[in-house]
């Protein structure tokens, strides 16, 4: 990522917002915040928490974010350090407080 690129600052801001979600009081607030952050990249169809139980670190939540557009999902994955799942879904981890 080019440091002089204006999207670099936006990406850093979104990553910081993603980290700050751990400060929210409830899982539903985190989900709403994630929907808002993801929505800055394009139309979001849904944000769903995935319960992986013992398959994932218990100090974090895992969410699938489903975008309407593949390019939006790819952009969000790149800027939020997420994992692109399929064509338009993104997996993101949020630390628990």
PDB file of N, CA and C in Angstrom:
ATOM      1  N   UNK A   1       0.854  -1.176   0.000  1.00  0.00           N
ATOM      2  CA  UNK A   1       0.000   0.000   0.000  1.00  0.00           C
ATOM      3  C   UNK A   1       0.891   1.227   0.000  1.00  0.00           C
ATOM      4  N   UNK A   2       0.663   2.142  -0.895  1.00  0.00           N
ATOM      5  CA  UNK A   2       1.429   3.370  -1.026  1.00  0.00           C
ATOM      6  C   UNK A   2       1.086   4.304   0.133  1.00  0.00           C
ATOM      7  N   UNK A   3       2.112   4.747   0.851  1.00  0.00           N
ATOM      8  CA  UNK A   3       1.898   5.608   2.022  1.00  0.00           C
ATOM      9  C   UNK A   3       1.343   6.974   1.628  1.00  0.00           C
ATOM     10  N   UNK A   4       1.537   7.406   0.379  1.00  0.00           N
ATOM     11  CA  UNK A   4       1.017   8.694  -0.073  1.00  0.00           C
ATOM     12  C   UNK A   4      -0.401   8.590  -0.618  1.00  0.00           C
ATOM     13  N   UNK A   5      -0.894   7.390  -0.714  1.00  0.00           N
ATOM     14  CA  UNK A   5      -2.239   7.132  -1.222  1.00  0.00           C
ATOM     15  C   UNK A   5      -3.259   7.556  -0.160  1.00  0.00           C
ATOM     16  N   UNK A   6      -4.259   8.380  -0.528  1.00  0.00           N
ATOM     17  CA  UNK A   6      -5.250   8.803   0.474  1.00  0.00           C
ATOM     18  C   UNK A   6      -6.020   7.639   1.085  1.00  0.00           C
ATOM     19  N   UNK A   7      -6.123   6.520   0.361  1.00  0.00           N
ATOM     20  CA  UNK A   7      -6.837   5.368   0.931  1.00  0.00           C
ATOM     21  C   UNK A   7      -6.054   4.745   2.080  1.00  0.00           C
ATOM     22  N   UNK A   8      -4.743   5.023   2.147  1.00  0.00           N
ATOM     23  CA  UNK A   8      -3.931   4.510   3.256  1.00  0.00           C
ATOM     24  C   UNK A   8      -4.439   5.067   4.584  1.00  0.00           C
ATOM     25  N   UNK A   9      -4.713   6.370   4.637  1.00  0.00           N
ATOM     26  CA  UNK A   9      -5.232   6.987   5.859  1.00  0.00           C
ATOM     27  C   UNK A   9      -6.601   6.435   6.224  1.00  0.00           C
ATOM     28  N   UNK A  10      -7.442   6.235   5.230  1.00  0.00           N
ATOM     29  CA  UNK A  10      -8.772   5.671   5.464  1.00  0.00           C
ATOM     30  C   UNK A  10      -8.656   4.250   5.999  1.00  0.00           C
ATOM     31  N   UNK A  11      -7.761   3.475   5.415  1.00  0.00           N
ATOM     32  CA  UNK A  11      -7.561   2.096   5.870  1.00  0.00           C
ATOM     33  C   UNK A  11      -7.087   2.073   7.320  1.00  0.00           C
ATOM     34  N   UNK A  12      -6.148   2.952   7.656  1.00  0.00           N
ATOM     35  CA  UNK A  12      -5.673   3.015   9.047  1.00  0.00           C
ATOM     36  C   UNK A  12      -6.789   3.398  10.002  1.00  0.00           C
ATOM     37  N   UNK A  13      -7.620   4.353   9.595  1.00  0.00           N
ATOM     38  CA  UNK A  13      -8.746   4.770  10.418  1.00  0.00           C
ATOM     39  C   UNK A  13      -9.722   3.621  10.639  1.00  0.00           C
ATOM     40  N   UNK A  14     -10.060   2.890   9.581  1.00  0.00           N
ATOM     41  CA  UNK A  14     -10.997   1.762   9.699  1.00  0.00           C
ATOM     42  C   UNK A  14     -10.408   0.651  10.566  1.00  0.00           C
ATOM     43  N   UNK A  15      -9.096   0.397  10.445  1.00  0.00           N
ATOM     44  CA  UNK A  15      -8.464  -0.622  11.280  1.00  0.00           C
ATOM     45  C   UNK A  15      -8.518  -0.230  12.751  1.00  0.00           C
ATOM     46  N   UNK A  16      -8.324   1.047  13.033  1.00  0.00           N
ATOM     47  CA  UNK A  16      -8.397   1.526  14.424  1.00  0.00           C
ATOM     48  C   UNK A  16      -9.826   1.411  14.954  1.00  0.00           C
ATOM     49  N   UNK A  17     -10.801   1.755  14.112  1.00  0.00           N
ATOM     50  CA  UNK A  17     -12.203   1.608  14.519  1.00  0.00           C
ATOM     51  C   UNK A  17     -12.518   0.146  14.812  1.00  0.00           C
ATOM     52  N   UNK A  18     -11.991  -0.759  13.996  1.00  0.00           N
ATOM     53  CA  UNK A  18     -12.204  -2.191  14.197  1.00  0.00           C
ATOM     54  C   UNK A  18     -11.609  -2.625  15.535  1.00  0.00           C
ATOM     55  N   UNK A  19     -10.413  -2.166  15.857  1.00  0.00           N
ATOM     56  CA  UNK A  19      -9.788  -2.489  17.145  1.00  0.00           C
ATOM     57  C   UNK A  19     -10.602  -1.932  18.312  1.00  0.00           C
ATOM     58  N   UNK A  20     -11.163  -0.748  18.124  1.00  0.00           N
ATOM     59  CA  UNK A  20     -11.926  -0.110  19.205  1.00  0.00           C
ATOM     60  C   UNK A  20     -13.266  -0.786  19.480  1.00  0.00           C
ATOM     61  N   UNK A  21     -13.728  -1.637  18.588  1.00  0.00           N
ATOM     62  CA  UNK A  21     -14.997  -2.338  18.820  1.00  0.00           C
ATOM     63  C   UNK A  21     -14.942  -3.169  20.096  1.00  0.00           C
ATOM     64  N   UNK A  22     -13.760  -3.614  20.486  1.00  0.00           N
ATOM     65  CA  UNK A  22     -13.633  -4.439  21.698  1.00  0.00           C
ATOM     66  C   UNK A  22     -14.043  -3.683  22.950  1.00  0.00           C
ATOM     67  N   UNK A  23     -14.077  -2.353  22.862  1.00  0.00           N
ATOM     68  CA  UNK A  23     -14.434  -1.536  24.021  1.00  0.00           C
ATOM     69  C   UNK A  23     -15.947  -1.447  24.235  1.00  0.00           C
ATOM     70  N   UNK A  24     -16.727  -1.898  23.262  1.00  0.00           N
ATOM     71  CA  UNK A  24     -18.183  -1.822  23.375  1.00  0.00           C
ATOM     72  C   UNK A  24     -18.698  -2.848  24.374  1.00  0.00           C
ATOM     73  N   UNK A  25     -19.855  -2.555  24.948  1.00  0.00           N
ATOM     74  CA  UNK A  25     -20.371  -3.338  26.073  1.00  0.00           C
ATOM     75  C   UNK A  25     -21.002  -4.671  25.679  1.00  0.00           C
ATOM     76  N   UNK A  26     -21.542  -4.774  24.486  1.00  0.00           N
ATOM     77  CA  UNK A  26     -22.260  -6.004  24.153  1.00  0.00           C
ATOM     78  C   UNK A  26     -21.917  -6.490  22.744  1.00  0.00           C
ATOM     79  N   UNK A  27     -22.193  -7.744  22.538  1.00  0.00           N
ATOM     80  CA  UNK A  27     -21.964  -8.344  21.228  1.00  0.00           C
ATOM     81  C   UNK A  27     -22.809  -7.669  20.146  1.00  0.00           C
ATOM     82  N   UNK A  28     -24.031  -7.293  20.466  1.00  0.00           N
ATOM     83  CA  UNK A  28     -24.890  -6.637  19.471  1.00  0.00           C
ATOM     84  C   UNK A  28     -24.346  -5.257  19.108  1.00  0.00           C
ATOM     85  N   UNK A  29     -23.758  -4.547  20.074  1.00  0.00           N
ATOM     86  CA  UNK A  29     -23.134  -3.265  19.758  1.00  0.00           C
ATOM     87  C   UNK A  29     -21.919  -3.457  18.855  1.00  0.00           C
ATOM     88  N   UNK A  30     -21.149  -4.499  19.106  1.00  0.00           N
ATOM     89  CA  UNK A  30     -19.994  -4.810  18.259  1.00  0.00           C
ATOM     90  C   UNK A  30     -20.465  -5.137  16.852  1.00  0.00           C
ATOM     91  N   UNK A  31     -21.523  -5.928  16.744  1.00  0.00           N
ATOM     92  CA  UNK A  31     -22.066  -6.297  15.440  1.00  0.00           C
ATOM     93  C   UNK A  31     -22.556  -5.063  14.688  1.00  0.00           C
ATOM     94  N   UNK A  32     -23.243  -4.161  15.373  1.00  0.00           N
ATOM     95  CA  UNK A  32     -23.707  -2.918  14.748  1.00  0.00           C
ATOM     96  C   UNK A  32     -22.538  -2.056  14.292  1.00  0.00           C
ATOM     97  N   UNK A  33     -21.508  -1.950  15.135  1.00  0.00           N
ATOM     98  CA  UNK A  33     -20.324  -1.180  14.773  1.00  0.00           C
ATOM     99  C   UNK A  33     -19.603  -1.772  13.581  1.00  0.00           C
ATOM    100  N   UNK A  34     -19.520  -3.089  13.544  1.00  0.00           N
ATOM    101  CA  UNK A  34     -18.888  -3.773  12.414  1.00  0.00           C
ATOM    102  C   UNK A  34     -19.676  -3.542  11.131  1.00  0.00           C
ATOM    103  N   UNK A  35     -20.988  -3.546  11.235  1.00  0.00           N
ATOM    104  CA  UNK A  35     -21.843  -3.265  10.079  1.00  0.00           C
ATOM    105  C   UNK A  35     -21.587  -1.848   9.556  1.00  0.00           C
ATOM    106  N   UNK A  36     -21.430  -0.900  10.472  1.00  0.00           N
ATOM    107  CA  UNK A  36     -21.160   0.486  10.085  1.00  0.00           C
ATOM    108  C   UNK A  36     -19.791   0.609   9.405  1.00  0.00           C
ATOM    109  N   UNK A  37     -18.774  -0.012   9.991  1.00  0.00           N
ATOM    110  CA  UNK A  37     -17.429   0.046   9.420  1.00  0.00           C
ATOM    111  C   UNK A  37     -17.400  -0.616   8.051  1.00  0.00           C
ATOM    112  N   UNK A  38     -17.965  -1.805   7.948  1.00  0.00           N
ATOM    113  CA  UNK A  38     -17.976  -2.528   6.672  1.00  0.00           C
ATOM    114  C   UNK A  38     -18.770  -1.758   5.627  1.00  0.00           C
ATOM    115  N   UNK A  39     -19.823  -1.080   6.058  1.00  0.00           N
ATOM    116  CA  UNK A  39     -20.662  -0.320   5.134  1.00  0.00           C
ATOM    117  C   UNK A  39     -19.935   0.829   4.467  1.00  0.00           C
ATOM    118  N   UNK A  40     -18.810   1.248   5.018  1.00  0.00           N
ATOM    119  CA  UNK A  40     -18.032   2.301   4.361  1.00  0.00           C
ATOM    120  C   UNK A  40     -17.346   1.785   3.103  1.00  0.00           C
ATOM    121  N   UNK A  41     -17.302   0.469   2.930  1.00  0.00           N
ATOM    122  CA  UNK A  41     -16.691  -0.134   1.743  1.00  0.00           C
ATOM    123  C   UNK A  41     -17.712  -0.504   0.678  1.00  0.00           C
ATOM    124  N   UNK A  42     -18.990  -0.530   1.044  1.00  0.00           N
ATOM    125  CA  UNK A  42     -20.041  -0.882   0.089  1.00  0.00           C
ATOM    126  C   UNK A  42     -21.263  -1.432   0.809  1.00  0.00           C
ATOM    127  N   UNK A  43     -22.267  -1.820   0.026  1.00  0.00           N
ATOM    128  CA  UNK A  43     -23.521  -2.324   0.590  1.00  0.00           C
ATOM    129  C   UNK A  43     -23.292  -3.672   1.261  1.00  0.00           C
ATOM    130  N   UNK A  44     -23.709  -3.741   2.533  1.00  0.00           N
ATOM    131  CA  UNK A  44     -23.571  -4.962   3.329  1.00  0.00           C
ATOM    132  C   UNK A  44     -24.928  -5.637   3.417  1.00  0.00           C
ATOM    133  N   UNK A  45     -24.979  -6.911   3.053  1.00  0.00           N
ATOM    134  CA  UNK A  45     -26.224  -7.672   3.164  1.00  0.00           C
ATOM    135  C   UNK A  45     -26.462  -8.151   4.582  1.00  0.00           C
ATOM    136  N   UNK A  46     -25.393  -8.582   5.257  1.00  0.00           N
ATOM    137  CA  UNK A  46     -25.553  -9.072   6.624  1.00  0.00           C
ATOM    138  C   UNK A  46     -24.206  -9.139   7.332  1.00  0.00           C
ATOM    139  N   UNK A  47     -24.291  -9.081   8.666  1.00  0.00           N
ATOM    140  CA  UNK A  47     -23.142  -9.304   9.548  1.00  0.00           C
ATOM    141  C   UNK A  47     -23.600 -10.340  10.563  1.00  0.00           C
ATOM    142  N   UNK A  48     -22.923 -11.478  10.593  1.00  0.00           N
ATOM    143  CA  UNK A  48     -23.349 -12.589  11.438  1.00  0.00           C
ATOM    144  C   UNK A  48     -22.164 -13.092  12.252  1.00  0.00           C
ATOM    145  N   UNK A  49     -22.387 -13.242  13.542  1.00  0.00           N
ATOM    146  CA  UNK A  49     -21.337 -13.816  14.385  1.00  0.00           C
ATOM    147  C   UNK A  49     -21.301 -15.316  14.168  1.00  0.00           C
ATOM    148  N   UNK A  50     -20.100 -15.845  14.083  1.00  0.00           N
ATOM    149  CA  UNK A  50     -19.894 -17.277  13.914  1.00  0.00           C
ATOM    150  C   UNK A  50     -19.386 -17.824  15.236  1.00  0.00           C
ATOM    151  N   UNK A  51     -20.076 -18.819  15.749  1.00  0.00           N
ATOM    152  CA  UNK A  51     -19.683 -19.434  17.012  1.00  0.00           C
ATOM    153  C   UNK A  51     -18.820 -20.650  16.700  1.00  0.00           C
ATOM    154  N   UNK A  52     -17.515 -20.472  16.833  1.00  0.00           N
ATOM    155  CA  UNK A  52     -16.592 -21.553  16.524  1.00  0.00           C
ATOM    156  C   UNK A  52     -16.250 -22.391  17.749  1.00  0.00           C
ATOM    157  N   UNK A  53     -16.666 -21.942  18.914  1.00  0.00           N
ATOM    158  CA  UNK A  53     -16.355 -22.608  20.188  1.00  0.00           C
ATOM    159  C   UNK A  53     -14.940 -23.138  20.156  1.00  0.00           C
ATOM    160  N   UNK A  54     -14.370 -23.730  20.877  1.00  0.00           N
ATOM    161  CA  UNK A  54     -13.030 -24.238  21.070  1.00  0.00           C
ATOM    162  C   UNK A  54     -12.151 -24.315  19.814  1.00  0.00           C
ATOM    163  N   UNK A  55     -12.663 -23.968  18.647  1.00  0.00           N
ATOM    164  CA  UNK A  55     -11.842 -23.996  17.434  1.00  0.00           C
ATOM    165  C   UNK A  55     -11.140 -22.666  17.213  1.00  0.00           C
ATOM    166  N   UNK A  56     -11.451 -21.708  18.025  1.00  0.00           N
ATOM    167  CA  UNK A  56     -10.893 -20.370  17.866  1.00  0.00           C
ATOM    168  C   UNK A  56     -10.532 -19.831  19.245  1.00  0.00           C
ATOM    169  N   UNK A  57      -9.645 -18.913  19.262  1.00  0.00           N
ATOM    170  CA  UNK A  57      -9.250 -18.263  20.515  1.00  0.00           C
ATOM    171  C   UNK A  57     -10.492 -17.673  21.185  1.00  0.00           C
ATOM    172  N   UNK A  58     -10.721 -18.012  22.452  1.00  0.00           N
ATOM    173  CA  UNK A  58     -11.920 -17.536  23.145  1.00  0.00           C
ATOM    174  C   UNK A  58     -11.843 -16.051  23.494  1.00  0.00           C
ATOM    175  N   UNK A  59     -10.720 -15.400  23.180  1.00  0.00           N
ATOM    176  CA  UNK A  59     -10.595 -13.978  23.485  1.00  0.00           C
ATOM    177  C   UNK A  59     -11.013 -13.105  22.300  1.00  0.00           C
ATOM    178  N   UNK A  60     -11.678 -13.724  21.331  1.00  0.00           N
ATOM    179  CA  UNK A  60     -12.110 -12.947  20.171  1.00  0.00           C
ATOM    180  C   UNK A  60     -13.439 -13.457  19.616  1.00  0.00           C
ATOM    181  N   UNK A  61     -14.150 -12.534  18.975  1.00  0.00           N
ATOM    182  CA  UNK A  61     -15.362 -12.877  18.231  1.00  0.00           C
ATOM    183  C   UNK A  61     -14.966 -13.039  16.768  1.00  0.00           C
ATOM    184  N   UNK A  62     -15.701 -13.883  16.067  1.00  0.00           N
ATOM    185  CA  UNK A  62     -15.504 -14.037  14.626  1.00  0.00           C
ATOM    186  C   UNK A  62     -16.829 -13.712  13.953  1.00  0.00           C
ATOM    187  N   UNK A  63     -16.767 -12.860  12.937  1.00  0.00           N
ATOM    188  CA  UNK A  63     -17.963 -12.444  12.197  1.00  0.00           C
ATOM    189  C   UNK A  63     -17.771 -12.690  10.711  1.00  0.00           C
ATOM    190  N   UNK A  64     -18.867 -13.064  10.048  1.00  0.00           N
ATOM    191  CA  UNK A  64     -18.908 -13.077   8.588  1.00  0.00           C
ATOM    192  C   UNK A  64     -19.664 -11.832   8.156  1.00  0.00           C
ATOM    193  N   UNK A  65     -19.081 -11.105   7.242  1.00  0.00           N
ATOM    194  CA  UNK A  65     -19.710  -9.919   6.670  1.00  0.00           C
ATOM    195  C   UNK A  65     -19.978 -10.233   5.209  1.00  0.00           C
ATOM    196  N   UNK A  66     -21.239 -10.215   4.827  1.00  0.00           N
ATOM    197  CA  UNK A  66     -21.623 -10.521   3.445  1.00  0.00           C
ATOM    198  C   UNK A  66     -21.914  -9.231   2.699  1.00  0.00           C
ATOM    199  N   UNK A  67     -21.132  -8.969   1.665  1.00  0.00           N
ATOM    200  CA  UNK A  67     -21.301  -7.783   0.833  1.00  0.00           C
ATOM    201  C   UNK A  67     -22.135  -8.123  -0.389  1.00  0.00           C
ATOM    202  N   UNK A  68     -22.783  -7.108  -0.926  1.00  0.00           N
ATOM    203  CA  UNK A  68     -23.541  -7.289  -2.161  1.00  0.00           C
ATOM    204  C   UNK A  68     -22.598  -7.428  -3.361  1.00  0.00           C
ATOM    205  N   UNK A  69     -21.458  -6.741  -3.303  1.00  0.00           N
ATOM    206  CA  UNK A  69     -20.546  -6.690  -4.439  1.00  0.00           C
ATOM    207  C   UNK A  69     -19.193  -7.315  -4.088  1.00  0.00           C
ATOM    208  N   UNK A  70     -18.676  -8.137  -4.976  1.00  0.00           N
ATOM    209  CA  UNK A  70     -17.400  -8.818  -4.760  1.00  0.00           C
ATOM    210  C   UNK A  70     -16.247  -7.837  -4.589  1.00  0.00           C
ATOM    211  N   UNK A  71     -16.194  -6.797  -5.406  1.00  0.00           N
ATOM    212  CA  UNK A  71     -15.094  -5.826  -5.309  1.00  0.00           C
ATOM    213  C   UNK A  71     -15.099  -5.101  -3.966  1.00  0.00           C
ATOM    214  N   UNK A  72     -16.281  -4.819  -3.444  1.00  0.00           N
ATOM    215  CA  UNK A  72     -16.376  -4.198  -2.119  1.00  0.00           C
ATOM    216  C   UNK A  72     -15.817  -5.132  -1.048  1.00  0.00           C
ATOM    217  N   UNK A  73     -16.142  -6.417  -1.156  1.00  0.00           N
ATOM    218  CA  UNK A  73     -15.645  -7.404  -0.196  1.00  0.00           C
ATOM    219  C   UNK A  73     -14.126  -7.517  -0.290  1.00  0.00           C
ATOM    220  N   UNK A  74     -13.598  -7.498  -1.496  1.00  0.00           N
ATOM    221  CA  UNK A  74     -12.147  -7.580  -1.686  1.00  0.00           C
ATOM    222  C   UNK A  74     -11.444  -6.351  -1.102  1.00  0.00           C
ATOM    223  N   UNK A  75     -12.022  -5.184  -1.322  1.00  0.00           N
ATOM    224  CA  UNK A  75     -11.442  -3.948  -0.786  1.00  0.00           C
ATOM    225  C   UNK A  75     -11.462  -3.971   0.741  1.00  0.00           C
ATOM    226  N   UNK A  76     -12.595  -4.364   1.319  1.00  0.00           N
ATOM    227  CA  UNK A  76     -12.706  -4.439   2.779  1.00  0.00           C
ATOM    228  C   UNK A  76     -11.717  -5.454   3.344  1.00  0.00           C
ATOM    229  N   UNK A  77     -11.579  -6.593   2.699  1.00  0.00           N
ATOM    230  CA  UNK A  77     -10.641  -7.615   3.167  1.00  0.00           C
ATOM    231  C   UNK A  77      -9.221  -7.061   3.196  1.00  0.00           C
ATOM    232  N   UNK A  78      -8.854  -6.332   2.165  1.00  0.00           N
ATOM    233  CA  UNK A  78      -7.509  -5.756   2.090  1.00  0.00           C
ATOM    234  C   UNK A  78      -7.297  -4.699   3.177  1.00  0.00           C
ATOM    235  N   UNK A  79      -8.264  -3.813   3.353  1.00  0.00           N
ATOM    236  CA  UNK A  79      -8.094  -2.707   4.291  1.00  0.00           C
ATOM    237  C   UNK A  79      -8.308  -3.096   5.752  1.00  0.00           C
ATOM    238  N   UNK A  80      -9.081  -4.130   6.007  1.00  0.00           N
ATOM    239  CA  UNK A  80      -9.376  -4.543   7.386  1.00  0.00           C
ATOM    240  C   UNK A  80      -8.607  -5.792   7.805  1.00  0.00           C
ATOM    241  N   UNK A  81      -7.706  -6.232   6.931  1.00  0.00           N
ATOM    242  CA  UNK A  81      -6.930  -7.449   7.203  1.00  0.00           C
ATOM    243  C   UNK A  81      -7.843  -8.635   7.489  1.00  0.00           C
ATOM    244  N   UNK A  82      -8.903  -8.726   6.702  1.00  0.00           N
ATOM    245  CA  UNK A  82      -9.850  -9.827   6.849  1.00  0.00           C
ATOM    246  C   UNK A  82      -9.539 -10.942   5.874  1.00  0.00           C
ATOM    247  N   UNK A  83     -10.299 -11.996   5.978  1.00  0.00           N
ATOM    248  CA  UNK A  83     -10.145 -13.169   5.132  1.00  0.00           C
ATOM    249  C   UNK A  83     -11.336 -13.241   4.196  1.00  0.00           C
ATOM    250  N   UNK A  84     -11.096 -13.160   2.897  1.00  0.00           N
ATOM    251  CA  UNK A  84     -12.175 -13.243   1.916  1.00  0.00           C
ATOM    252  C   UNK A  84     -12.666 -14.682   1.861  1.00  0.00           C
ATOM    253  N   UNK A  85     -13.971 -14.845   2.016  1.00  0.00           N
ATOM    254  CA  UNK A  85     -14.589 -16.167   2.055  1.00  0.00           C
ATOM    255  C   UNK A  85     -15.594 -16.240   0.919  1.00  0.00           C
ATOM    256  N   UNK A  86     -15.310 -17.052  -0.082  1.00  0.00           N
ATOM    257  CA  UNK A  86     -16.183 -17.091  -1.255  1.00  0.00           C
ATOM    258  C   UNK A  86     -15.974 -15.843  -2.087  1.00  0.00           C
ATOM    259  N   UNK A  87     -17.030 -15.393  -2.734  1.00  0.00           N
ATOM    260  CA  UNK A  87     -16.918 -14.241  -3.624  1.00  0.00           C
ATOM    261  C   UNK A  87     -17.227 -12.916  -2.948  1.00  0.00           C
ATOM    262  N   UNK A  88     -18.142 -12.923  -1.997  1.00  0.00           N
ATOM    263  CA  UNK A  88     -18.559 -11.634  -1.441  1.00  0.00           C
ATOM    264  C   UNK A  88     -18.650 -11.613   0.085  1.00  0.00           C
ATOM    265  N   UNK A  89     -18.111 -12.614   0.731  1.00  0.00           N
ATOM    266  CA  UNK A  89     -18.144 -12.658   2.190  1.00  0.00           C
ATOM    267  C   UNK A  89     -16.735 -12.471   2.740  1.00  0.00           C
ATOM    268  N   UNK A  90     -16.694 -11.930   3.922  1.00  0.00           N
ATOM    269  CA  UNK A  90     -15.441 -11.596   4.569  1.00  0.00           C
ATOM    270  C   UNK A  90     -15.504 -12.087   6.004  1.00  0.00           C
ATOM    271  N   UNK A  91     -14.447 -12.708   6.485  1.00  0.00           N
ATOM    272  CA  UNK A  91     -14.379 -13.131   7.872  1.00  0.00           C
ATOM    273  C   UNK A  91     -13.469 -12.152   8.608  1.00  0.00           C
ATOM    274  N   UNK A  92     -13.966 -11.620   9.727  1.00  0.00           N
ATOM    275  CA  UNK A  92     -13.211 -10.680  10.548  1.00  0.00           C
ATOM    276  C   UNK A  92     -13.217 -11.133  11.995  1.00  0.00           C
ATOM    277  N   UNK A  93     -12.111 -10.869  12.676  1.00  0.00           N
ATOM    278  CA  UNK A  93     -12.009 -11.174  14.102  1.00  0.00           C
ATOM    279  C   UNK A  93     -12.012  -9.862  14.873  1.00  0.00           C
ATOM    280  N   UNK A  94     -12.715  -9.859  15.991  1.00  0.00           N
ATOM    281  CA  UNK A  94     -12.745  -8.699  16.890  1.00  0.00           C
ATOM    282  C   UNK A  94     -12.378  -9.203  18.281  1.00  0.00           C
ATOM    283  N   UNK A  95     -11.401  -8.571  18.883  1.00  0.00           N
ATOM    284  CA  UNK A  95     -10.967  -8.954  20.220  1.00  0.00           C
ATOM    285  C   UNK A  95     -12.070  -8.665  21.243  1.00  0.00           C
ATOM    286  N   UNK A  96     -12.212  -9.570  22.200  1.00  0.00           N
ATOM    287  CA  UNK A  96     -13.133  -9.320  23.331  1.00  0.00           C
ATOM    288  C   UNK A  96     -12.415  -8.451  24.337  1.00  0.00           C
ATOM    289  N   UNK A  97     -13.196  -7.699  25.089  1.00  0.00           N
ATOM    290  CA  UNK A  97     -12.616  -6.813  26.103  1.00  0.00           C
ATOM    291  C   UNK A  97     -12.281  -7.605  27.353  1.00  0.00           C
TER     292      UNK A  97
END
